[in-house]
């Protein structure tokens, strides 16, 4: 990845604060970066949340966008999509006052490691323990020391969940399912499926994608079979890497500033003003 300084040198001064977003298939909009950040904050978290949580989200969203812009290069048709596969941006939404204020209060601020913007991943809820980027996304070992995972987070107060899914909706041949291996944070890494012809392994992330990210909220679960259905009992929502949005909310309510919140979820990263 290019350094932040080098990336900005590749941009014309007038375009340094712009970002190109594919808002729908084939439709790309060029936006002012701060306008985009406010839109992401408004799309990702409720406007009624504490100001410091909104500011933390704004810095994370801006950092993620800048890192993608650097990675894609100045000639890219689009730097980001508008869905949860990058970060949610609803082009038709009008950011509430809180989201606009959070973007303005932190304008230009980016999380960095050395001179480069970090991969500022975030998710709704870590379920009480963070996941590492290496385990979640198979990034190169040592490349994201600020996303190490395994850190407990007592601020994430969301309750656990239970999901019941008929085995035939997983695979018509499945008779049983269990967790065969877990990541260091305790999330399911590999599942073992018992079928009429034997057993086979399945990556837990593939099952979650197959069933739907909303239907199976996270990989921090246990599973058992009951009356022809797989019963998943888990915690969290999303991959659990980086900023935990519900944890940030609770920390802000405790009185933590957005800088303290970001220091907890991205340990060792520094906040720098990009412009």
C-alpha atoms as a PDB file:
ATOM      1  CA  UNK A   1       0.000   0.000   0.000  1.00  0.00           C
ATOM      2  CA  UNK A   2       1.285   3.473  -0.826  1.00  0.00           C
ATOM      3  CA  UNK A   3       1.899   5.868   2.031  1.00  0.00           C
ATOM      4  CA  UNK A   4      -0.771   8.446   2.701  1.00  0.00           C
ATOM      5  CA  UNK A   5       1.533  11.273   1.683  1.00  0.00           C
ATOM      6  CA  UNK A   6       2.434   9.590  -1.600  1.00  0.00           C
ATOM      7  CA  UNK A   7      -1.216   8.892  -2.335  1.00  0.00           C
ATOM      8  CA  UNK A   8      -2.178  12.514  -1.911  1.00  0.00           C
ATOM      9  CA  UNK A   9       0.635  13.626  -4.189  1.00  0.00           C
ATOM     10  CA  UNK A  10      -0.958  11.534  -6.936  1.00  0.00           C
ATOM     11  CA  UNK A  11      -4.201  13.501  -6.616  1.00  0.00           C
ATOM     12  CA  UNK A  12      -4.776  16.976  -7.968  1.00  0.00           C
ATOM     13  CA  UNK A  13      -5.306  19.412  -5.075  1.00  0.00           C
ATOM     14  CA  UNK A  14      -8.945  19.995  -6.048  1.00  0.00           C
ATOM     15  CA  UNK A  15      -9.670  16.235  -6.044  1.00  0.00           C
ATOM     16  CA  UNK A  16      -7.792  15.315  -2.872  1.00  0.00           C
ATOM     17  CA  UNK A  17     -10.973  15.487  -0.812  1.00  0.00           C
ATOM     18  CA  UNK A  18     -13.224  13.607  -3.241  1.00  0.00           C
ATOM     19  CA  UNK A  19     -14.215   9.954  -3.416  1.00  0.00           C
ATOM     20  CA  UNK A  20     -15.940   7.950  -6.153  1.00  0.00           C
ATOM     21  CA  UNK A  21     -18.720   5.625  -4.991  1.00  0.00           C
ATOM     22  CA  UNK A  22     -20.599   3.039  -7.044  1.00  0.00           C
ATOM     23  CA  UNK A  23     -24.016   3.768  -5.571  1.00  0.00           C
ATOM     24  CA  UNK A  24     -25.741   1.135  -7.721  1.00  0.00           C
ATOM     25  CA  UNK A  25     -24.679  -1.226 -10.482  1.00  0.00           C
ATOM     26  CA  UNK A  26     -22.941   0.847 -13.132  1.00  0.00           C
ATOM     27  CA  UNK A  27     -23.724   4.178 -11.456  1.00  0.00           C
ATOM     28  CA  UNK A  28     -20.751   6.016  -9.954  1.00  0.00           C
ATOM     29  CA  UNK A  29     -20.990   9.303  -8.085  1.00  0.00           C
ATOM     30  CA  UNK A  30     -18.100  11.608  -7.223  1.00  0.00           C
ATOM     31  CA  UNK A  31     -18.652  13.006  -3.755  1.00  0.00           C
ATOM     32  CA  UNK A  32     -16.990  15.389  -1.386  1.00  0.00           C
ATOM     33  CA  UNK A  33     -15.291  13.115   1.121  1.00  0.00           C
ATOM     34  CA  UNK A  34     -16.875  14.769   4.159  1.00  0.00           C
ATOM     35  CA  UNK A  35     -20.316  14.602   2.563  1.00  0.00           C
ATOM     36  CA  UNK A  36     -19.722  10.899   2.002  1.00  0.00           C
ATOM     37  CA  UNK A  37     -18.515  10.362   5.593  1.00  0.00           C
ATOM     38  CA  UNK A  38     -21.634  12.040   6.980  1.00  0.00           C
ATOM     39  CA  UNK A  39     -23.741   9.783   4.766  1.00  0.00           C
ATOM     40  CA  UNK A  40     -21.963   6.669   6.006  1.00  0.00           C
ATOM     41  CA  UNK A  41     -22.412   7.684   9.653  1.00  0.00           C
ATOM     42  CA  UNK A  42     -26.116   8.294   9.025  1.00  0.00           C
ATOM     43  CA  UNK A  43     -26.450   4.942   7.247  1.00  0.00           C
ATOM     44  CA  UNK A  44     -24.424   2.857   9.689  1.00  0.00           C
ATOM     45  CA  UNK A  45     -25.593   3.990  13.149  1.00  0.00           C
ATOM     46  CA  UNK A  46     -28.689   5.672  14.628  1.00  0.00           C
ATOM     47  CA  UNK A  47     -28.598   9.471  14.731  1.00  0.00           C
ATOM     48  CA  UNK A  48     -29.664   9.469  18.398  1.00  0.00           C
ATOM     49  CA  UNK A  49     -26.444   7.796  19.537  1.00  0.00           C
ATOM     50  CA  UNK A  50     -23.963   9.776  21.675  1.00  0.00           C
ATOM     51  CA  UNK A  51     -21.887  12.376  19.834  1.00  0.00           C
ATOM     52  CA  UNK A  52     -18.564  10.721  20.680  1.00  0.00           C
ATOM     53  CA  UNK A  53     -19.722   7.407  19.209  1.00  0.00           C
ATOM     54  CA  UNK A  54     -20.759   9.204  16.014  1.00  0.00           C
ATOM     55  CA  UNK A  55     -17.358  10.916  15.842  1.00  0.00           C
ATOM     56  CA  UNK A  56     -15.568   7.579  16.278  1.00  0.00           C
ATOM     57  CA  UNK A  57     -17.657   6.148  13.441  1.00  0.00           C
ATOM     58  CA  UNK A  58     -16.856   9.172  11.276  1.00  0.00           C
ATOM     59  CA  UNK A  59     -13.099   8.728  11.693  1.00  0.00           C
ATOM     60  CA  UNK A  60     -13.325   4.988  11.038  1.00  0.00           C
ATOM     61  CA  UNK A  61     -15.469   5.535   7.929  1.00  0.00           C
ATOM     62  CA  UNK A  62     -13.170   8.243   6.579  1.00  0.00           C
ATOM     63  CA  UNK A  63     -10.097   6.097   7.207  1.00  0.00           C
ATOM     64  CA  UNK A  64     -11.630   3.088   5.469  1.00  0.00           C
ATOM     65  CA  UNK A  65     -12.538   5.263   2.478  1.00  0.00           C
ATOM     66  CA  UNK A  66      -9.097   6.873   2.216  1.00  0.00           C
ATOM     67  CA  UNK A  67      -7.363   3.488   2.479  1.00  0.00           C
ATOM     68  CA  UNK A  68      -9.548   2.147  -0.333  1.00  0.00           C
ATOM     69  CA  UNK A  69      -8.855   5.228  -2.445  1.00  0.00           C
ATOM     70  CA  UNK A  70      -5.129   4.696  -1.987  1.00  0.00           C
ATOM     71  CA  UNK A  71      -5.393   0.990  -2.761  1.00  0.00           C
ATOM     72  CA  UNK A  72      -7.525   1.496  -5.879  1.00  0.00           C
ATOM     73  CA  UNK A  73      -5.300   4.248  -7.264  1.00  0.00           C
ATOM     74  CA  UNK A  74      -6.128   7.606  -8.881  1.00  0.00           C
ATOM     75  CA  UNK A  75      -7.375   6.049 -12.126  1.00  0.00           C
ATOM     76  CA  UNK A  76      -9.996   3.810 -10.533  1.00  0.00           C
ATOM     77  CA  UNK A  77     -13.522   4.121 -11.890  1.00  0.00           C
ATOM     78  CA  UNK A  78     -14.857   3.725  -8.320  1.00  0.00           C
ATOM     79  CA  UNK A  79     -13.072   3.483  -4.986  1.00  0.00           C
ATOM     80  CA  UNK A  80     -15.903   1.895  -2.987  1.00  0.00           C
ATOM     81  CA  UNK A  81     -19.318   0.341  -3.276  1.00  0.00           C
ATOM     82  CA  UNK A  82     -22.283   1.490  -1.207  1.00  0.00           C
ATOM     83  CA  UNK A  83     -23.214  -1.804   0.487  1.00  0.00           C
ATOM     84  CA  UNK A  84     -22.138  -3.548   3.671  1.00  0.00           C
ATOM     85  CA  UNK A  85     -19.400  -5.280   1.652  1.00  0.00           C
ATOM     86  CA  UNK A  86     -17.532  -1.955   1.994  1.00  0.00           C
ATOM     87  CA  UNK A  87     -19.483   0.407   4.238  1.00  0.00           C
ATOM     88  CA  UNK A  88     -23.131   1.329   3.926  1.00  0.00           C
ATOM     89  CA  UNK A  89     -23.898   4.571   2.107  1.00  0.00           C
ATOM     90  CA  UNK A  90     -27.489   5.369   1.196  1.00  0.00           C
ATOM     91  CA  UNK A  91     -27.292   8.012  -1.496  1.00  0.00           C
ATOM     92  CA  UNK A  92     -30.952   8.971  -1.052  1.00  0.00           C
ATOM     93  CA  UNK A  93     -30.624   9.534   2.700  1.00  0.00           C
ATOM     94  CA  UNK A  94     -30.239  13.026   4.132  1.00  0.00           C
ATOM     95  CA  UNK A  95     -27.723  12.881   7.005  1.00  0.00           C
ATOM     96  CA  UNK A  96     -29.151  13.968  10.330  1.00  0.00           C
ATOM     97  CA  UNK A  97     -27.611  16.819  12.261  1.00  0.00           C
ATOM     98  CA  UNK A  98     -25.609  14.454  14.473  1.00  0.00           C
ATOM     99  CA  UNK A  99     -23.963  12.714  11.511  1.00  0.00           C
ATOM    100  CA  UNK A 100     -23.116  16.019   9.846  1.00  0.00           C
ATOM    101  CA  UNK A 101     -21.713  17.400  13.095  1.00  0.00           C
ATOM    102  CA  UNK A 102     -19.578  14.275  13.614  1.00  0.00           C
ATOM    103  CA  UNK A 103     -18.086  14.579  10.125  1.00  0.00           C
ATOM    104  CA  UNK A 104     -17.393  18.282  10.568  1.00  0.00           C
ATOM    105  CA  UNK A 105     -15.922  17.927  14.059  1.00  0.00           C
ATOM    106  CA  UNK A 106     -13.429  15.322  12.836  1.00  0.00           C
ATOM    107  CA  UNK A 107     -12.926  16.692   9.308  1.00  0.00           C
ATOM    108  CA  UNK A 108      -9.726  15.382   7.734  1.00  0.00           C
ATOM    109  CA  UNK A 109      -8.869  13.036  10.606  1.00  0.00           C
ATOM    110  CA  UNK A 110      -7.602   9.598   9.585  1.00  0.00           C
ATOM    111  CA  UNK A 111      -6.226   6.666  11.580  1.00  0.00           C
ATOM    112  CA  UNK A 112      -2.714   5.778  10.482  1.00  0.00           C
ATOM    113  CA  UNK A 113       0.010   3.234  11.139  1.00  0.00           C
ATOM    114  CA  UNK A 114       3.249   4.926  10.239  1.00  0.00           C
ATOM    115  CA  UNK A 115       2.314   7.216   7.356  1.00  0.00           C
ATOM    116  CA  UNK A 116      -0.372   4.982   5.837  1.00  0.00           C
ATOM    117  CA  UNK A 117      -4.116   4.896   6.571  1.00  0.00           C
ATOM    118  CA  UNK A 118      -5.078   1.701   8.355  1.00  0.00           C
ATOM    119  CA  UNK A 119      -7.673  -0.866   7.309  1.00  0.00           C
ATOM    120  CA  UNK A 120     -10.325   0.529   9.649  1.00  0.00           C
ATOM    121  CA  UNK A 121     -12.792  -2.350   9.648  1.00  0.00           C
ATOM    122  CA  UNK A 122     -15.852  -2.125  11.894  1.00  0.00           C
ATOM    123  CA  UNK A 123     -18.949  -4.160  12.647  1.00  0.00           C
ATOM    124  CA  UNK A 124     -22.182  -3.775  14.573  1.00  0.00           C
ATOM    125  CA  UNK A 125     -21.310  -5.951  17.566  1.00  0.00           C
ATOM    126  CA  UNK A 126     -18.263  -8.024  18.496  1.00  0.00           C
ATOM    127  CA  UNK A 127     -20.234 -10.126  20.978  1.00  0.00           C
ATOM    128  CA  UNK A 128     -17.840  -9.309  23.815  1.00  0.00           C
ATOM    129  CA  UNK A 129     -14.579 -10.322  22.107  1.00  0.00           C
ATOM    130  CA  UNK A 130     -12.901  -8.885  19.014  1.00  0.00           C
ATOM    131  CA  UNK A 131     -11.775 -10.885  16.006  1.00  0.00           C
ATOM    132  CA  UNK A 132      -8.388 -10.470  14.326  1.00  0.00           C
ATOM    133  CA  UNK A 133      -8.100  -9.388  10.696  1.00  0.00           C
ATOM    134  CA  UNK A 134      -5.798 -12.325   9.958  1.00  0.00           C
ATOM    135  CA  UNK A 135      -8.453 -14.818  11.078  1.00  0.00           C
ATOM    136  CA  UNK A 136     -11.393 -13.009   9.475  1.00  0.00           C
ATOM    137  CA  UNK A 137      -9.923 -11.867   6.176  1.00  0.00           C
ATOM    138  CA  UNK A 138      -6.734 -13.932   5.764  1.00  0.00           C
ATOM    139  CA  UNK A 139      -4.551 -10.833   5.479  1.00  0.00           C
ATOM    140  CA  UNK A 140      -0.785 -11.296   5.561  1.00  0.00           C
ATOM    141  CA  UNK A 141       0.551 -12.144   9.042  1.00  0.00           C
ATOM    142  CA  UNK A 142       1.733  -9.034  10.860  1.00  0.00           C
ATOM    143  CA  UNK A 143       0.220  -6.607   8.348  1.00  0.00           C
ATOM    144  CA  UNK A 144      -2.546  -5.377  10.677  1.00  0.00           C
ATOM    145  CA  UNK A 145      -1.059  -5.238  14.198  1.00  0.00           C
ATOM    146  CA  UNK A 146      -3.823  -2.820  15.235  1.00  0.00           C
ATOM    147  CA  UNK A 147      -6.457  -5.518  14.483  1.00  0.00           C
ATOM    148  CA  UNK A 148      -5.012  -8.342  16.545  1.00  0.00           C
ATOM    149  CA  UNK A 149      -8.293  -9.735  17.914  1.00  0.00           C
ATOM    150  CA  UNK A 150      -8.959 -11.616  21.134  1.00  0.00           C
ATOM    151  CA  UNK A 151      -9.536  -8.466  23.189  1.00  0.00           C
ATOM    152  CA  UNK A 152     -12.510  -8.669  25.529  1.00  0.00           C
ATOM    153  CA  UNK A 153     -15.032  -5.855  25.291  1.00  0.00           C
ATOM    154  CA  UNK A 154     -17.298  -5.471  28.285  1.00  0.00           C
ATOM    155  CA  UNK A 155     -18.862  -2.400  26.651  1.00  0.00           C
ATOM    156  CA  UNK A 156     -20.745  -4.471  24.070  1.00  0.00           C
ATOM    157  CA  UNK A 157     -23.993  -5.041  25.936  1.00  0.00           C
ATOM    158  CA  UNK A 158     -26.112  -6.560  23.166  1.00  0.00           C
ATOM    159  CA  UNK A 159     -27.860  -9.776  24.135  1.00  0.00           C
ATOM    160  CA  UNK A 160     -27.174 -13.141  22.565  1.00  0.00           C
ATOM    161  CA  UNK A 161     -29.272 -14.671  19.819  1.00  0.00           C
ATOM    162  CA  UNK A 162     -30.661 -18.064  18.841  1.00  0.00           C
ATOM    163  CA  UNK A 163     -31.355 -19.100  15.260  1.00  0.00           C
ATOM    164  CA  UNK A 164     -33.062 -22.349  14.241  1.00  0.00           C
ATOM    165  CA  UNK A 165     -32.466 -23.525  10.669  1.00  0.00           C
ATOM    166  CA  UNK A 166     -33.819 -26.772   9.176  1.00  0.00           C
ATOM    167  CA  UNK A 167     -30.931 -29.032   8.157  1.00  0.00           C
ATOM    168  CA  UNK A 168     -32.326 -29.378   4.644  1.00  0.00           C
ATOM    169  CA  UNK A 169     -31.806 -25.647   4.142  1.00  0.00           C
ATOM    170  CA  UNK A 170     -28.096 -26.173   4.778  1.00  0.00           C
ATOM    171  CA  UNK A 171     -27.864 -29.251   2.552  1.00  0.00           C
ATOM    172  CA  UNK A 172     -30.450 -31.929   1.800  1.00  0.00           C
ATOM    173  CA  UNK A 173     -27.950 -34.662   2.700  1.00  0.00           C
ATOM    174  CA  UNK A 174     -26.954 -33.233   6.095  1.00  0.00           C
ATOM    175  CA  UNK A 175     -27.898 -35.191   9.198  1.00  0.00           C
ATOM    176  CA  UNK A 176     -25.720 -33.426  11.731  1.00  0.00           C
ATOM    177  CA  UNK A 177     -23.499 -30.364  12.181  1.00  0.00           C
ATOM    178  CA  UNK A 178     -20.833 -29.356  14.698  1.00  0.00           C
ATOM    179  CA  UNK A 179     -17.969 -26.876  15.091  1.00  0.00           C
ATOM    180  CA  UNK A 180     -14.700 -28.594  14.176  1.00  0.00           C
ATOM    181  CA  UNK A 181     -12.283 -25.667  14.636  1.00  0.00           C
ATOM    182  CA  UNK A 182     -12.377 -22.138  16.033  1.00  0.00           C
ATOM    183  CA  UNK A 183     -10.347 -18.959  15.558  1.00  0.00           C
ATOM    184  CA  UNK A 184      -8.322 -17.584  18.499  1.00  0.00           C
ATOM    185  CA  UNK A 185     -11.274 -15.356  19.446  1.00  0.00           C
ATOM    186  CA  UNK A 186     -13.591 -18.361  19.718  1.00  0.00           C
ATOM    187  CA  UNK A 187     -15.465 -17.903  16.450  1.00  0.00           C
ATOM    188  CA  UNK A 188     -16.310 -20.905  14.308  1.00  0.00           C
ATOM    189  CA  UNK A 189     -13.694 -21.426  11.629  1.00  0.00           C
ATOM    190  CA  UNK A 190     -14.589 -24.876  10.278  1.00  0.00           C
ATOM    191  CA  UNK A 191     -17.793 -26.906  10.561  1.00  0.00           C
ATOM    192  CA  UNK A 192     -18.196 -30.644  10.234  1.00  0.00           C
ATOM    193  CA  UNK A 193     -21.258 -31.805   8.358  1.00  0.00           C
ATOM    194  CA  UNK A 194     -22.465 -35.367   8.901  1.00  0.00           C
ATOM    195  CA  UNK A 195     -24.186 -36.678   5.801  1.00  0.00           C
ATOM    196  CA  UNK A 196     -25.744 -39.926   4.645  1.00  0.00           C
ATOM    197  CA  UNK A 197     -22.488 -40.769   2.854  1.00  0.00           C
ATOM    198  CA  UNK A 198     -20.001 -39.701   5.537  1.00  0.00           C
ATOM    199  CA  UNK A 199     -18.726 -36.377   6.810  1.00  0.00           C
ATOM    200  CA  UNK A 200     -17.155 -33.333   5.252  1.00  0.00           C
ATOM    201  CA  UNK A 201     -15.729 -29.999   6.324  1.00  0.00           C
ATOM    202  CA  UNK A 202     -17.253 -26.627   5.503  1.00  0.00           C
ATOM    203  CA  UNK A 203     -15.783 -23.197   6.200  1.00  0.00           C
ATOM    204  CA  UNK A 204     -18.067 -21.426   8.667  1.00  0.00           C
ATOM    205  CA  UNK A 205     -17.809 -18.182   6.700  1.00  0.00           C
ATOM    206  CA  UNK A 206     -19.133 -19.997   3.625  1.00  0.00           C
ATOM    207  CA  UNK A 207     -22.170 -21.243   5.558  1.00  0.00           C
ATOM    208  CA  UNK A 208     -22.881 -17.726   6.808  1.00  0.00           C
ATOM    209  CA  UNK A 209     -22.692 -16.380   3.269  1.00  0.00           C
ATOM    210  CA  UNK A 210     -24.938 -19.181   2.040  1.00  0.00           C
ATOM    211  CA  UNK A 211     -27.595 -18.626   4.691  1.00  0.00           C
ATOM    212  CA  UNK A 212     -27.363 -14.846   4.651  1.00  0.00           C
ATOM    213  CA  UNK A 213     -25.453 -12.448   6.901  1.00  0.00           C
ATOM    214  CA  UNK A 214     -28.605 -11.264   8.626  1.00  0.00           C
ATOM    215  CA  UNK A 215     -29.973 -14.748   9.196  1.00  0.00           C
ATOM    216  CA  UNK A 216     -26.752 -15.961  10.840  1.00  0.00           C
ATOM    217  CA  UNK A 217     -25.561 -12.746  12.510  1.00  0.00           C
ATOM    218  CA  UNK A 218     -21.996 -13.792  13.381  1.00  0.00           C
ATOM    219  CA  UNK A 219     -19.596 -16.729  13.658  1.00  0.00           C
ATOM    220  CA  UNK A 220     -19.377 -16.498  17.441  1.00  0.00           C
ATOM    221  CA  UNK A 221     -21.753 -19.405  18.031  1.00  0.00           C
ATOM    222  CA  UNK A 222     -22.268 -22.951  19.212  1.00  0.00           C
ATOM    223  CA  UNK A 223     -24.510 -25.323  17.272  1.00  0.00           C
ATOM    224  CA  UNK A 224     -26.474 -28.466  18.026  1.00  0.00           C
ATOM    225  CA  UNK A 225     -29.073 -30.524  16.197  1.00  0.00           C
ATOM    226  CA  UNK A 226     -32.622 -30.738  17.508  1.00  0.00           C
ATOM    227  CA  UNK A 227     -35.564 -32.380  15.693  1.00  0.00           C
ATOM    228  CA  UNK A 228     -34.082 -32.020  12.237  1.00  0.00           C
ATOM    229  CA  UNK A 229     -32.849 -28.465  12.690  1.00  0.00           C
ATOM    230  CA  UNK A 230     -29.512 -26.834  13.449  1.00  0.00           C
ATOM    231  CA  UNK A 231     -29.860 -24.603  16.497  1.00  0.00           C
ATOM    232  CA  UNK A 232     -27.241 -21.829  16.555  1.00  0.00           C
ATOM    233  CA  UNK A 233     -26.723 -19.910  19.806  1.00  0.00           C
ATOM    234  CA  UNK A 234     -24.394 -16.987  19.530  1.00  0.00           C
ATOM    235  CA  UNK A 235     -23.374 -13.415  20.237  1.00  0.00           C
ATOM    236  CA  UNK A 236     -22.455 -10.461  18.107  1.00  0.00           C
ATOM    237  CA  UNK A 237     -23.385  -9.175  14.674  1.00  0.00           C
ATOM    238  CA  UNK A 238     -20.866  -8.957  11.865  1.00  0.00           C
ATOM    239  CA  UNK A 239     -17.247 -10.056  11.594  1.00  0.00           C
ATOM    240  CA  UNK A 240     -16.192  -8.493  14.914  1.00  0.00           C
ATOM    241  CA  UNK A 241     -13.009  -6.873  13.535  1.00  0.00           C
ATOM    242  CA  UNK A 242     -12.048  -3.356  14.606  1.00  0.00           C
ATOM    243  CA  UNK A 243     -14.588  -0.853  15.894  1.00  0.00           C
ATOM    244  CA  UNK A 244     -17.591  -2.414  17.615  1.00  0.00           C
ATOM    245  CA  UNK A 245     -20.421   0.043  16.996  1.00  0.00           C
ATOM    246  CA  UNK A 246     -22.512  -1.005  19.990  1.00  0.00           C
ATOM    247  CA  UNK A 247     -19.412  -1.079  22.156  1.00  0.00           C
ATOM    248  CA  UNK A 248     -18.539   2.440  20.995  1.00  0.00           C
ATOM    249  CA  UNK A 249     -22.038   3.553  21.966  1.00  0.00           C
ATOM    250  CA  UNK A 250     -21.645   2.177  25.480  1.00  0.00           C
ATOM    251  CA  UNK A 251     -18.166   3.645  25.871  1.00  0.00           C
ATOM    252  CA  UNK A 252     -19.428   7.060  24.812  1.00  0.00           C
ATOM    253  CA  UNK A 253     -22.248   6.809  27.349  1.00  0.00           C
ATOM    254  CA  UNK A 254     -19.605   6.049  30.005  1.00  0.00           C
ATOM    255  CA  UNK A 255     -17.891   9.326  29.143  1.00  0.00           C
ATOM    256  CA  UNK A 256     -15.093   8.179  26.812  1.00  0.00           C
ATOM    257  CA  UNK A 257     -14.082  10.529  24.011  1.00  0.00           C
ATOM    258  CA  UNK A 258     -13.978   9.396  20.404  1.00  0.00           C
ATOM    259  CA  UNK A 259     -10.177   9.347  20.589  1.00  0.00           C
ATOM    260  CA  UNK A 260     -10.297   6.986  23.571  1.00  0.00           C
ATOM    261  CA  UNK A 261     -12.833   4.791  21.796  1.00  0.00           C
ATOM    262  CA  UNK A 262     -10.676   4.560  18.675  1.00  0.00           C
ATOM    263  CA  UNK A 263      -7.555   3.848  20.746  1.00  0.00           C
ATOM    264  CA  UNK A 264      -9.334   0.847  22.276  1.00  0.00           C
ATOM    265  CA  UNK A 265     -10.503  -0.667  19.003  1.00  0.00           C
ATOM    266  CA  UNK A 266      -7.397   0.144  16.912  1.00  0.00           C
ATOM    267  CA  UNK A 267      -4.570  -0.118  19.478  1.00  0.00           C
ATOM    268  CA  UNK A 268      -1.373   1.575  18.378  1.00  0.00           C
ATOM    269  CA  UNK A 269      -2.928   3.505  15.475  1.00  0.00           C
ATOM    270  CA  UNK A 270      -2.524   7.291  15.459  1.00  0.00           C
ATOM    271  CA  UNK A 271      -5.059   9.953  14.446  1.00  0.00           C
ATOM    272  CA  UNK A 272      -3.633  12.360  11.892  1.00  0.00           C
ATOM    273  CA  UNK A 273      -5.290  15.262  10.124  1.00  0.00           C
ATOM    274  CA  UNK A 274      -5.052  14.525   6.399  1.00  0.00           C
ATOM    275  CA  UNK A 275      -6.095  17.992   5.233  1.00  0.00           C
END
